[in-house]
Amino acid sequence: YDVTSNLQLIDETETFEDDFINTLISSNPAKEKFNIKFTKNNYLVSYYLRKIEPFFEGLNFTSIEKSGSFYNKQNKLFTASDLSTSFSRGKNKCLSEKTFIKQSLLKFSQQY
């Protein structure tokens, strides 16, 4: 949560730490009414989500859509198609932000 918050990827007024963690580890976050609202463009969010997949069993674009718990900055539920398209179209976009995400997650993975 701290890494995600420091990257300013989520709306901290709507996504609390417990909800964030529970959404990522729950087998059915929608049933438990856990949600994550992101504040950045779809490309950065899709890049971030792809980078954290190894930390969470079963986390991928399809499971994100099925969960019904991940919202973009327009408060629209993410679909696997939204995430996949954004990820593939943004290969050469937001290079400094991507580097920052990658470095932050590398530091996190080395600590844990």
PDB file of N, CA and C in Angstrom:
ATOM      1  N   TYR A   1       0.832  -1.199   0.000  1.00  0.00           N
ATOM      2  CA  TYR A   1       0.000   0.000   0.000  1.00  0.00           C
ATOM      3  C   TYR A   1       0.863   1.244   0.000  1.00  0.00           C
ATOM      4  N   ASP A   2       1.883   1.251   0.826  1.00  0.00           N
ATOM      5  CA  ASP A   2       2.739   2.439   0.918  1.00  0.00           C
ATOM      6  C   ASP A   2       3.399   2.754  -0.412  1.00  0.00           C
ATOM      7  N   VAL A   3       3.864   1.732  -1.104  1.00  0.00           N
ATOM      8  CA  VAL A   3       4.497   1.950  -2.411  1.00  0.00           C
ATOM      9  C   VAL A   3       3.482   2.553  -3.374  1.00  0.00           C
ATOM     10  N   THR A   4       2.296   1.990  -3.414  1.00  0.00           N
ATOM     11  CA  THR A   4       1.251   2.469  -4.317  1.00  0.00           C
ATOM     12  C   THR A   4       0.850   3.889  -3.964  1.00  0.00           C
ATOM     13  N   SER A   5       0.740   4.169  -2.694  1.00  0.00           N
ATOM     14  CA  SER A   5       0.402   5.511  -2.231  1.00  0.00           C
ATOM     15  C   SER A   5       1.514   6.505  -2.592  1.00  0.00           C
ATOM     16  N   ASN A   6       2.752   6.116  -2.362  1.00  0.00           N
ATOM     17  CA  ASN A   6       3.881   6.995  -2.702  1.00  0.00           C
ATOM     18  C   ASN A   6       3.951   7.276  -4.194  1.00  0.00           C
ATOM     19  N   LEU A   7       3.527   6.326  -4.998  1.00  0.00           N
ATOM     20  CA  LEU A   7       3.499   6.509  -6.449  1.00  0.00           C
ATOM     21  C   LEU A   7       2.301   7.352  -6.882  1.00  0.00           C
ATOM     22  N   GLN A   8       1.423   7.658  -5.943  1.00  0.00           N
ATOM     23  CA  GLN A   8       0.215   8.453  -6.173  1.00  0.00           C
ATOM     24  C   GLN A   8      -0.673   7.831  -7.257  1.00  0.00           C
ATOM     25  N   LEU A   9      -0.802   6.519  -7.212  1.00  0.00           N
ATOM     26  CA  LEU A   9      -1.617   5.790  -8.183  1.00  0.00           C
ATOM     27  C   LEU A   9      -3.056   5.612  -7.739  1.00  0.00           C
ATOM     28  N   ILE A  10      -3.302   5.750  -6.448  1.00  0.00           N
ATOM     29  CA  ILE A  10      -4.653   5.511  -5.937  1.00  0.00           C
ATOM     30  C   ILE A  10      -5.202   6.755  -5.261  1.00  0.00           C
ATOM     31  N   ASP A  11      -6.510   6.791  -5.161  1.00  0.00           N
ATOM     32  CA  ASP A  11      -7.198   7.853  -4.448  1.00  0.00           C
ATOM     33  C   ASP A  11      -7.285   7.420  -2.982  1.00  0.00           C
ATOM     34  N   GLU A  12      -6.440   7.996  -2.164  1.00  0.00           N
ATOM     35  CA  GLU A  12      -6.376   7.589  -0.751  1.00  0.00           C
ATOM     36  C   GLU A  12      -7.608   7.994   0.046  1.00  0.00           C
ATOM     37  N   THR A  13      -8.411   8.902  -0.484  1.00  0.00           N
ATOM     38  CA  THR A  13      -9.637   9.269   0.224  1.00  0.00           C
ATOM     39  C   THR A  13     -10.731   8.235  -0.010  1.00  0.00           C
ATOM     40  N   GLU A  14     -10.576   7.423  -1.066  1.00  0.00           N
ATOM     41  CA  GLU A  14     -11.570   6.398  -1.379  1.00  0.00           C
ATOM     42  C   GLU A  14     -11.037   4.980  -1.243  1.00  0.00           C
ATOM     43  N   THR A  15      -9.729   4.828  -1.211  1.00  0.00           N
ATOM     44  CA  THR A  15      -9.106   3.501  -1.120  1.00  0.00           C
ATOM     45  C   THR A  15      -8.235   3.459   0.128  1.00  0.00           C
ATOM     46  N   PHE A  16      -8.737   2.787   1.135  1.00  0.00           N
ATOM     47  CA  PHE A  16      -8.009   2.703   2.388  1.00  0.00           C
ATOM     48  C   PHE A  16      -7.079   1.493   2.373  1.00  0.00           C
ATOM     49  N   GLU A  17      -6.080   1.524   3.226  1.00  0.00           N
ATOM     50  CA  GLU A  17      -5.057   0.480   3.231  1.00  0.00           C
ATOM     51  C   GLU A  17      -5.642  -0.922   3.363  1.00  0.00           C
ATOM     52  N   ASP A  18      -6.521  -1.133   4.317  1.00  0.00           N
ATOM     53  CA  ASP A  18      -7.107  -2.468   4.506  1.00  0.00           C
ATOM     54  C   ASP A  18      -7.873  -2.920   3.268  1.00  0.00           C
ATOM     55  N   ASP A  19      -8.651  -2.009   2.681  1.00  0.00           N
ATOM     56  CA  ASP A  19      -9.411  -2.355   1.478  1.00  0.00           C
ATOM     57  C   ASP A  19      -8.482  -2.684   0.322  1.00  0.00           C
ATOM     58  N   PHE A  20      -7.420  -1.918   0.190  1.00  0.00           N
ATOM     59  CA  PHE A  20      -6.449  -2.142  -0.882  1.00  0.00           C
ATOM     60  C   PHE A  20      -5.844  -3.542  -0.773  1.00  0.00           C
ATOM     61  N   ILE A  21      -5.354  -3.860   0.406  1.00  0.00           N
ATOM     62  CA  ILE A  21      -4.710  -5.162   0.625  1.00  0.00           C
ATOM     63  C   ILE A  21      -5.720  -6.297   0.462  1.00  0.00           C
ATOM     64  N   ASN A  22      -6.894  -6.127   1.051  1.00  0.00           N
ATOM     65  CA  ASN A  22      -7.912  -7.174   0.964  1.00  0.00           C
ATOM     66  C   ASN A  22      -8.390  -7.395  -0.469  1.00  0.00           C
ATOM     67  N   THR A  23      -8.456  -6.333  -1.262  1.00  0.00           N
ATOM     68  CA  THR A  23      -8.842  -6.483  -2.663  1.00  0.00           C
ATOM     69  C   THR A  23      -7.833  -7.341  -3.400  1.00  0.00           C
ATOM     70  N   LEU A  24      -6.565  -7.143  -3.122  1.00  0.00           N
ATOM     71  CA  LEU A  24      -5.519  -7.879  -3.823  1.00  0.00           C
ATOM     72  C   LEU A  24      -5.386  -9.328  -3.361  1.00  0.00           C
ATOM     73  N   ILE A  25      -5.727  -9.611  -2.119  1.00  0.00           N
ATOM     74  CA  ILE A  25      -5.537 -10.977  -1.619  1.00  0.00           C
ATOM     75  C   ILE A  25      -6.827 -11.785  -1.546  1.00  0.00           C
ATOM     76  N   SER A  26      -7.975 -11.134  -1.676  1.00  0.00           N
ATOM     77  CA  SER A  26      -9.252 -11.830  -1.559  1.00  0.00           C
ATOM     78  C   SER A  26      -9.547 -12.659  -2.799  1.00  0.00           C
ATOM     79  N   SER A  27     -10.177 -13.806  -2.590  1.00  0.00           N
ATOM     80  CA  SER A  27     -10.602 -14.628  -3.729  1.00  0.00           C
ATOM     81  C   SER A  27     -11.877 -14.060  -4.358  1.00  0.00           C
ATOM     82  N   ASN A  28     -12.588 -13.209  -3.636  1.00  0.00           N
ATOM     83  CA  ASN A  28     -13.809 -12.604  -4.159  1.00  0.00           C
ATOM     84  C   ASN A  28     -13.992 -11.204  -3.575  1.00  0.00           C
ATOM     85  N   PRO A  29     -13.202 -10.225  -4.030  1.00  0.00           N
ATOM     86  CA  PRO A  29     -13.269  -8.881  -3.436  1.00  0.00           C
ATOM     87  C   PRO A  29     -14.614  -8.180  -3.643  1.00  0.00           C
ATOM     88  N   ALA A  30     -15.304  -8.450  -4.749  1.00  0.00           N
ATOM     89  CA  ALA A  30     -16.593  -7.799  -4.993  1.00  0.00           C
ATOM     90  C   ALA A  30     -17.616  -8.213  -3.947  1.00  0.00           C
ATOM     91  N   LYS A  31     -17.599  -9.498  -3.589  1.00  0.00           N
ATOM     92  CA  LYS A  31     -18.531 -10.004  -2.578  1.00  0.00           C
ATOM     93  C   LYS A  31     -18.293  -9.304  -1.243  1.00  0.00           C
ATOM     94  N   GLU A  32     -17.042  -9.021  -0.964  1.00  0.00           N
ATOM     95  CA  GLU A  32     -16.690  -8.376   0.303  1.00  0.00           C
ATOM     96  C   GLU A  32     -16.713  -6.852   0.201  1.00  0.00           C
ATOM     97  N   LYS A  33     -17.057  -6.348  -0.992  1.00  0.00           N
ATOM     98  CA  LYS A  33     -17.194  -4.911  -1.249  1.00  0.00           C
ATOM     99  C   LYS A  33     -15.890  -4.135  -1.061  1.00  0.00           C
ATOM    100  N   PHE A  34     -14.782  -4.759  -1.432  1.00  0.00           N
ATOM    101  CA  PHE A  34     -13.502  -4.074  -1.425  1.00  0.00           C
ATOM    102  C   PHE A  34     -13.292  -3.445  -2.800  1.00  0.00           C
ATOM    103  N   ASN A  35     -12.751  -2.229  -2.835  1.00  0.00           N
ATOM    104  CA  ASN A  35     -12.520  -1.539  -4.101  1.00  0.00           C
ATOM    105  C   ASN A  35     -11.196  -0.783  -4.074  1.00  0.00           C
ATOM    106  N   ILE A  36     -10.640  -0.610  -5.260  1.00  0.00           N
ATOM    107  CA  ILE A  36      -9.456   0.224  -5.435  1.00  0.00           C
ATOM    108  C   ILE A  36      -9.774   1.223  -6.538  1.00  0.00           C
ATOM    109  N   LYS A  37      -9.618   2.500  -6.234  1.00  0.00           N
ATOM    110  CA  LYS A  37      -9.818   3.546  -7.246  1.00  0.00           C
ATOM    111  C   LYS A  37      -8.454   4.151  -7.581  1.00  0.00           C
ATOM    112  N   PHE A  38      -8.111   4.063  -8.857  1.00  0.00           N
ATOM    113  CA  PHE A  38      -6.845   4.609  -9.334  1.00  0.00           C
ATOM    114  C   PHE A  38      -7.023   6.038  -9.822  1.00  0.00           C
ATOM    115  N   THR A  39      -5.933   6.793  -9.807  1.00  0.00           N
ATOM    116  CA  THR A  39      -5.996   8.209 -10.175  1.00  0.00           C
ATOM    117  C   THR A  39      -5.174   8.549 -11.414  1.00  0.00           C
ATOM    118  N   LYS A  40      -4.426   7.599 -11.906  1.00  0.00           N
ATOM    119  CA  LYS A  40      -3.563   7.852 -13.068  1.00  0.00           C
ATOM    120  C   LYS A  40      -4.198   7.294 -14.337  1.00  0.00           C
ATOM    121  N   ASN A  41      -3.568   7.601 -15.475  1.00  0.00           N
ATOM    122  CA  ASN A  41      -4.098   7.127 -16.755  1.00  0.00           C
ATOM    123  C   ASN A  41      -4.035   5.599 -16.823  1.00  0.00           C
ATOM    124  N   ASN A  42      -4.846   5.056 -17.712  1.00  0.00           N
ATOM    125  CA  ASN A  42      -4.966   3.599 -17.813  1.00  0.00           C
ATOM    126  C   ASN A  42      -3.642   2.920 -18.133  1.00  0.00           C
ATOM    127  N   TYR A  43      -2.806   3.572 -18.920  1.00  0.00           N
ATOM    128  CA  TYR A  43      -1.535   2.941 -19.248  1.00  0.00           C
ATOM    129  C   TYR A  43      -0.683   2.738 -17.998  1.00  0.00           C
ATOM    130  N   LEU A  44      -0.524   3.784 -17.187  1.00  0.00           N
ATOM    131  CA  LEU A  44       0.303   3.641 -15.978  1.00  0.00           C
ATOM    132  C   LEU A  44      -0.299   2.619 -15.019  1.00  0.00           C
ATOM    133  N   VAL A  45      -1.603   2.619 -14.900  1.00  0.00           N
ATOM    134  CA  VAL A  45      -2.253   1.646 -14.015  1.00  0.00           C
ATOM    135  C   VAL A  45      -2.022   0.229 -14.534  1.00  0.00           C
ATOM    136  N   SER A  46      -2.198   0.019 -15.832  1.00  0.00           N
ATOM    137  CA  SER A  46      -1.992  -1.323 -16.389  1.00  0.00           C
ATOM    138  C   SER A  46      -0.539  -1.761 -16.244  1.00  0.00           C
ATOM    139  N   TYR A  47       0.382  -0.828 -16.426  1.00  0.00           N
ATOM    140  CA  TYR A  47       1.805  -1.138 -16.252  1.00  0.00           C
ATOM    141  C   TYR A  47       2.085  -1.533 -14.805  1.00  0.00           C
ATOM    142  N   TYR A  48       1.566  -0.756 -13.866  1.00  0.00           N
ATOM    143  CA  TYR A  48       1.733  -1.039 -12.445  1.00  0.00           C
ATOM    144  C   TYR A  48       1.135  -2.398 -12.083  1.00  0.00           C
ATOM    145  N   LEU A  49      -0.091  -2.650 -12.528  1.00  0.00           N
ATOM    146  CA  LEU A  49      -0.746  -3.916 -12.203  1.00  0.00           C
ATOM    147  C   LEU A  49       0.024  -5.102 -12.770  1.00  0.00           C
ATOM    148  N   ARG A  50       0.550  -4.940 -13.964  1.00  0.00           N
ATOM    149  CA  ARG A  50       1.352  -6.018 -14.562  1.00  0.00           C
ATOM    150  C   ARG A  50       2.608  -6.264 -13.716  1.00  0.00           C
ATOM    151  N   LYS A  51       3.203  -5.206 -13.204  1.00  0.00           N
ATOM    152  CA  LYS A  51       4.429  -5.333 -12.415  1.00  0.00           C
ATOM    153  C   LYS A  51       4.183  -5.954 -11.043  1.00  0.00           C
ATOM    154  N   ILE A  52       2.980  -5.800 -10.485  1.00  0.00           N
ATOM    155  CA  ILE A  52       2.732  -6.389  -9.157  1.00  0.00           C
ATOM    156  C   ILE A  52       2.141  -7.791  -9.240  1.00  0.00           C
ATOM    157  N   GLU A  53       1.831  -8.271 -10.435  1.00  0.00           N
ATOM    158  CA  GLU A  53       1.272  -9.618 -10.576  1.00  0.00           C
ATOM    159  C   GLU A  53       2.069 -10.688  -9.832  1.00  0.00           C
ATOM    160  N   PRO A  54       3.404 -10.671  -9.881  1.00  0.00           N
ATOM    161  CA  PRO A  54       4.154 -11.733  -9.193  1.00  0.00           C
ATOM    162  C   PRO A  54       3.969 -11.751  -7.668  1.00  0.00           C
ATOM    163  N   PHE A  55       3.528 -10.653  -7.102  1.00  0.00           N
ATOM    164  CA  PHE A  55       3.362 -10.573  -5.650  1.00  0.00           C
ATOM    165  C   PHE A  55       2.030 -11.156  -5.171  1.00  0.00           C
ATOM    166  N   PHE A  56       1.079 -11.343  -6.089  1.00  0.00           N
ATOM    167  CA  PHE A  56      -0.270 -11.765  -5.702  1.00  0.00           C
ATOM    168  C   PHE A  56      -0.735 -12.927  -6.582  1.00  0.00           C
ATOM    169  N   GLU A  57      -0.987 -14.047  -5.959  1.00  0.00           N
ATOM    170  CA  GLU A  57      -1.416 -15.247  -6.677  1.00  0.00           C
ATOM    171  C   GLU A  57      -2.732 -14.992  -7.419  1.00  0.00           C
ATOM    172  N   GLY A  58      -2.733 -15.313  -8.690  1.00  0.00           N
ATOM    173  CA  GLY A  58      -3.947 -15.196  -9.485  1.00  0.00           C
ATOM    174  C   GLY A  58      -4.275 -13.802  -9.973  1.00  0.00           C
ATOM    175  N   LEU A  59      -3.429 -12.832  -9.695  1.00  0.00           N
ATOM    176  CA  LEU A  59      -3.700 -11.470 -10.150  1.00  0.00           C
ATOM    177  C   LEU A  59      -3.282 -11.331 -11.610  1.00  0.00           C
ATOM    178  N   ASN A  60      -4.237 -10.979 -12.432  1.00  0.00           N
ATOM    179  CA  ASN A  60      -3.979 -10.696 -13.845  1.00  0.00           C
ATOM    180  C   ASN A  60      -5.136  -9.846 -14.354  1.00  0.00           C
ATOM    181  N   PHE A  61      -5.046  -9.393 -15.593  1.00  0.00           N
ATOM    182  CA  PHE A  61      -6.062  -8.489 -16.119  1.00  0.00           C
ATOM    183  C   PHE A  61      -7.461  -9.132 -16.108  1.00  0.00           C
ATOM    184  N   THR A  62      -7.538 -10.418 -16.383  1.00  0.00           N
ATOM    185  CA  THR A  62      -8.834 -11.106 -16.388  1.00  0.00           C
ATOM    186  C   THR A  62      -9.419 -11.185 -14.981  1.00  0.00           C
ATOM    187  N   SER A  63      -8.588 -11.540 -14.002  1.00  0.00           N
ATOM    188  CA  SER A  63      -9.096 -11.634 -12.630  1.00  0.00           C
ATOM    189  C   SER A  63      -9.473 -10.250 -12.087  1.00  0.00           C
ATOM    190  N   ILE A  64      -8.774  -9.227 -12.540  1.00  0.00           N
ATOM    191  CA  ILE A  64      -9.108  -7.849 -12.135  1.00  0.00           C
ATOM    192  C   ILE A  64     -10.501  -7.487 -12.633  1.00  0.00           C
ATOM    193  N   GLU A  65     -10.770  -7.794 -13.904  1.00  0.00           N
ATOM    194  CA  GLU A  65     -12.110  -7.522 -14.452  1.00  0.00           C
ATOM    195  C   GLU A  65     -13.172  -8.313 -13.700  1.00  0.00           C
ATOM    196  N   LYS A  66     -12.944  -9.603 -13.502  1.00  0.00           N
ATOM    197  CA  LYS A  66     -13.930 -10.463 -12.841  1.00  0.00           C
ATOM    198  C   LYS A  66     -14.218 -10.026 -11.411  1.00  0.00           C
ATOM    199  N   SER A  67     -13.224  -9.419 -10.769  1.00  0.00           N
ATOM    200  CA  SER A  67     -13.417  -9.008  -9.376  1.00  0.00           C
ATOM    201  C   SER A  67     -14.428  -7.873  -9.252  1.00  0.00           C
ATOM    202  N   GLY A  68     -14.541  -7.032 -10.284  1.00  0.00           N
ATOM    203  CA  GLY A  68     -15.448  -5.889 -10.202  1.00  0.00           C
ATOM    204  C   GLY A  68     -15.058  -4.903  -9.130  1.00  0.00           C
ATOM    205  N   SER A  69     -13.756  -4.828  -8.842  1.00  0.00           N
ATOM    206  CA  SER A  69     -13.294  -4.018  -7.715  1.00  0.00           C
ATOM    207  C   SER A  69     -12.233  -2.980  -8.065  1.00  0.00           C
ATOM    208  N   PHE A  70     -11.863  -2.897  -9.323  1.00  0.00           N
ATOM    209  CA  PHE A  70     -10.798  -1.984  -9.745  1.00  0.00           C
ATOM    210  C   PHE A  70     -11.387  -0.908 -10.656  1.00  0.00           C
ATOM    211  N   TYR A  71     -11.249   0.358 -10.236  1.00  0.00           N
ATOM    212  CA  TYR A  71     -11.855   1.476 -10.950  1.00  0.00           C
ATOM    213  C   TYR A  71     -10.784   2.419 -11.491  1.00  0.00           C
ATOM    214  N   ASN A  72     -11.064   2.983 -12.690  1.00  0.00           N
ATOM    215  CA  ASN A  72     -10.138   3.965 -13.239  1.00  0.00           C
ATOM    216  C   ASN A  72     -10.449   5.348 -12.676  1.00  0.00           C
ATOM    217  N   LYS A  73      -9.715   6.347 -13.140  1.00  0.00           N
ATOM    218  CA  LYS A  73      -9.877   7.686 -12.574  1.00  0.00           C
ATOM    219  C   LYS A  73     -11.228   8.320 -12.909  1.00  0.00           C
ATOM    220  N   GLN A  74     -11.936   7.771 -13.912  1.00  0.00           N
ATOM    221  CA  GLN A  74     -13.284   8.235 -14.225  1.00  0.00           C
ATOM    222  C   GLN A  74     -14.340   7.436 -13.457  1.00  0.00           C
ATOM    223  N   ASN A  75     -13.895   6.617 -12.516  1.00  0.00           N
ATOM    224  CA  ASN A  75     -14.772   5.788 -11.688  1.00  0.00           C
ATOM    225  C   ASN A  75     -15.494   4.713 -12.501  1.00  0.00           C
ATOM    226  N   LYS A  76     -14.843   4.249 -13.566  1.00  0.00           N
ATOM    227  CA  LYS A  76     -15.377   3.180 -14.408  1.00  0.00           C
ATOM    228  C   LYS A  76     -14.615   1.901 -14.083  1.00  0.00           C
ATOM    229  N   LEU A  77     -15.332   0.796 -13.993  1.00  0.00           N
ATOM    230  CA  LEU A  77     -14.677  -0.486 -13.728  1.00  0.00           C
ATOM    231  C   LEU A  77     -13.718  -0.836 -14.861  1.00  0.00           C
ATOM    232  N   PHE A  78     -12.540  -1.316 -14.484  1.00  0.00           N
ATOM    233  CA  PHE A  78     -11.592  -1.778 -15.485  1.00  0.00           C
ATOM    234  C   PHE A  78     -12.062  -3.094 -16.077  1.00  0.00           C
ATOM    235  N   THR A  79     -11.862  -3.241 -17.377  1.00  0.00           N
ATOM    236  CA  THR A  79     -12.058  -4.524 -18.031  1.00  0.00           C
ATOM    237  C   THR A  79     -10.676  -5.052 -18.416  1.00  0.00           C
ATOM    238  N   ALA A  80     -10.603  -6.345 -18.643  1.00  0.00           N
ATOM    239  CA  ALA A  80      -9.335  -6.933 -19.087  1.00  0.00           C
ATOM    240  C   ALA A  80      -8.916  -6.307 -20.409  1.00  0.00           C
ATOM    241  N   SER A  81      -9.871  -6.035 -21.255  1.00  0.00           N
ATOM    242  CA  SER A  81      -9.590  -5.424 -22.553  1.00  0.00           C
ATOM    243  C   SER A  81      -9.021  -4.011 -22.387  1.00  0.00           C
ATOM    244  N   ASP A  82      -9.623  -3.204 -21.504  1.00  0.00           N
ATOM    245  CA  ASP A  82      -9.101  -1.855 -21.228  1.00  0.00           C
ATOM    246  C   ASP A  82      -7.633  -1.926 -20.826  1.00  0.00           C
ATOM    247  N   LEU A  83      -7.349  -2.800 -19.873  1.00  0.00           N
ATOM    248  CA  LEU A  83      -5.999  -2.906 -19.332  1.00  0.00           C
ATOM    249  C   LEU A  83      -5.016  -3.430 -20.375  1.00  0.00           C
ATOM    250  N   SER A  84      -5.413  -4.457 -21.079  1.00  0.00           N
ATOM    251  CA  SER A  84      -4.536  -5.048 -22.084  1.00  0.00           C
ATOM    252  C   SER A  84      -4.242  -4.066 -23.217  1.00  0.00           C
ATOM    253  N   THR A  85      -5.272  -3.390 -23.699  1.00  0.00           N
ATOM    254  CA  THR A  85      -5.095  -2.411 -24.775  1.00  0.00           C
ATOM    255  C   THR A  85      -4.213  -1.262 -24.318  1.00  0.00           C
ATOM    256  N   SER A  86      -4.480  -0.737 -23.135  1.00  0.00           N
ATOM    257  CA  SER A  86      -3.667   0.360 -22.607  1.00  0.00           C
ATOM    258  C   SER A  86      -2.216  -0.057 -22.450  1.00  0.00           C
ATOM    259  N   PHE A  87      -2.016  -1.258 -21.943  1.00  0.00           N
ATOM    260  CA  PHE A  87      -0.657  -1.753 -21.728  1.00  0.00           C
ATOM    261  C   PHE A  87       0.095  -1.888 -23.051  1.00  0.00           C
ATOM    262  N   SER A  88      -0.550  -2.447 -24.057  1.00  0.00           N
ATOM    263  CA  SER A  88       0.133  -2.673 -25.331  1.00  0.00           C
ATOM    264  C   SER A  88       0.346  -1.390 -26.123  1.00  0.00           C
ATOM    265  N   ARG A  89      -0.524  -0.417 -25.971  1.00  0.00           N
ATOM    266  CA  ARG A  89      -0.395   0.840 -26.721  1.00  0.00           C
ATOM    267  C   ARG A  89       0.575   1.819 -26.072  1.00  0.00           C
ATOM    268  N   GLY A  90       0.916   1.597 -24.836  1.00  0.00           N
ATOM    269  CA  GLY A  90       1.717   2.577 -24.123  1.00  0.00           C
ATOM    270  C   GLY A  90       3.169   2.215 -23.940  1.00  0.00           C
ATOM    271  N   LYS A  91       3.691   1.353 -24.762  1.00  0.00           N
ATOM    272  CA  LYS A  91       5.069   0.864 -24.590  1.00  0.00           C
ATOM    273  C   LYS A  91       6.093   1.992 -24.489  1.00  0.00           C
ATOM    274  N   ASN A  92       5.913   3.048 -25.266  1.00  0.00           N
ATOM    275  CA  ASN A  92       6.895   4.133 -25.284  1.00  0.00           C
ATOM    276  C   ASN A  92       6.395   5.394 -24.601  1.00  0.00           C
ATOM    277  N   LYS A  93       5.395   5.263 -23.761  1.00  0.00           N
ATOM    278  CA  LYS A  93       4.823   6.401 -23.053  1.00  0.00           C
ATOM    279  C   LYS A  93       5.287   6.412 -21.602  1.00  0.00           C
ATOM    280  N   CYS A  94       5.245   7.575 -21.008  1.00  0.00           N
ATOM    281  CA  CYS A  94       5.447   7.748 -19.562  1.00  0.00           C
ATOM    282  C   CYS A  94       6.725   7.071 -19.073  1.00  0.00           C
ATOM    283  N   LEU A  95       7.795   7.256 -19.773  1.00  0.00           N
ATOM    284  CA  LEU A  95       9.030   6.542 -19.443  1.00  0.00           C
ATOM    285  C   LEU A  95       9.552   6.863 -18.054  1.00  0.00           C
ATOM    286  N   SER A  96       9.484   8.122 -17.643  1.00  0.00           N
ATOM    287  CA  SER A  96       9.993   8.462 -16.309  1.00  0.00           C
ATOM    288  C   SER A  96       9.113   7.858 -15.215  1.00  0.00           C
ATOM    289  N   GLU A  97       7.790   7.865 -15.433  1.00  0.00           N
ATOM    290  CA  GLU A  97       6.885   7.273 -14.450  1.00  0.00           C
ATOM    291  C   GLU A  97       7.081   5.758 -14.375  1.00  0.00           C
ATOM    292  N   LYS A  98       7.284   5.122 -15.537  1.00  0.00           N
ATOM    293  CA  LYS A  98       7.533   3.681 -15.553  1.00  0.00           C
ATOM    294  C   LYS A  98       8.812   3.339 -14.795  1.00  0.00           C
ATOM    295  N   THR A  99       9.835   4.132 -15.001  1.00  0.00           N
ATOM    296  CA  THR A  99      11.100   3.903 -14.295  1.00  0.00           C
ATOM    297  C   THR A  99      10.898   4.042 -12.794  1.00  0.00           C
ATOM    298  N   PHE A 100      10.148   5.043 -12.389  1.00  0.00           N
ATOM    299  CA  PHE A 100       9.875   5.258 -10.967  1.00  0.00           C
ATOM    300  C   PHE A 100       9.094   4.083 -10.374  1.00  0.00           C
ATOM    301  N   ILE A 101       8.089   3.597 -11.095  1.00  0.00           N
ATOM    302  CA  ILE A 101       7.318   2.439 -10.640  1.00  0.00           C
ATOM    303  C   ILE A 101       8.226   1.223 -10.506  1.00  0.00           C
ATOM    304  N   LYS A 102       9.016   0.986 -11.533  1.00  0.00           N
ATOM    305  CA  LYS A 102       9.904  -0.181 -11.542  1.00  0.00           C
ATOM    306  C   LYS A 102      10.893  -0.116 -10.374  1.00  0.00           C
ATOM    307  N   GLN A 103      11.498   1.048 -10.148  1.00  0.00           N
ATOM    308  CA  GLN A 103      12.464   1.197  -9.056  1.00  0.00           C
ATOM    309  C   GLN A 103      11.798   1.048  -7.692  1.00  0.00           C
ATOM    310  N   SER A 104      10.624   1.614  -7.546  1.00  0.00           N
ATOM    311  CA  SER A 104       9.905   1.521  -6.264  1.00  0.00           C
ATOM    312  C   SER A 104       9.537   0.077  -5.946  1.00  0.00           C
ATOM    313  N   LEU A 105       9.076  -0.658  -6.945  1.00  0.00           N
ATOM    314  CA  LEU A 105       8.712  -2.056  -6.717  1.00  0.00           C
ATOM    315  C   LEU A 105       9.944  -2.927  -6.505  1.00  0.00           C
ATOM    316  N   LEU A 106      11.041  -2.572  -7.136  1.00  0.00           N
ATOM    317  CA  LEU A 106      12.289  -3.315  -6.912  1.00  0.00           C
ATOM    318  C   LEU A 106      12.734  -3.136  -5.464  1.00  0.00           C
ATOM    319  N   LYS A 107      12.694  -1.912  -4.954  1.00  0.00           N
ATOM    320  CA  LYS A 107      13.047  -1.651  -3.552  1.00  0.00           C
ATOM    321  C   LYS A 107      12.134  -2.441  -2.622  1.00  0.00           C
ATOM    322  N   PHE A 108      10.851  -2.444  -2.942  1.00  0.00           N
ATOM    323  CA  PHE A 108       9.884  -3.185  -2.134  1.00  0.00           C
ATOM    324  C   PHE A 108      10.207  -4.666  -2.133  1.00  0.00           C
ATOM    325  N   SER A 109      10.479  -5.226  -3.292  1.00  0.00           N
ATOM    326  CA  SER A 109      10.743  -6.668  -3.384  1.00  0.00           C
ATOM    327  C   SER A 109      12.027  -7.044  -2.655  1.00  0.00           C
ATOM    328  N   GLN A 110      12.978  -6.141  -2.615  1.00  0.00           N
ATOM    329  CA  GLN A 110      14.231  -6.426  -1.901  1.00  0.00           C
ATOM    330  C   GLN A 110      14.030  -6.370  -0.387  1.00  0.00           C
ATOM    331  N   GLN A 111      13.084  -5.566   0.062  1.00  0.00           N
ATOM    332  CA  GLN A 111      12.808  -5.470   1.492  1.00  0.00           C
ATOM    333  C   GLN A 111      11.996  -6.655   1.980  1.00  0.00           C
ATOM    334  N   TYR A 112      11.155  -7.210   1.122  1.00  0.00           N
ATOM    335  CA  TYR A 112      10.258  -8.293   1.539  1.00  0.00           C
ATOM    336  C   TYR A 112      10.522  -9.499   0.710  1.00  0.00           C
TER     337      TYR A 112
END
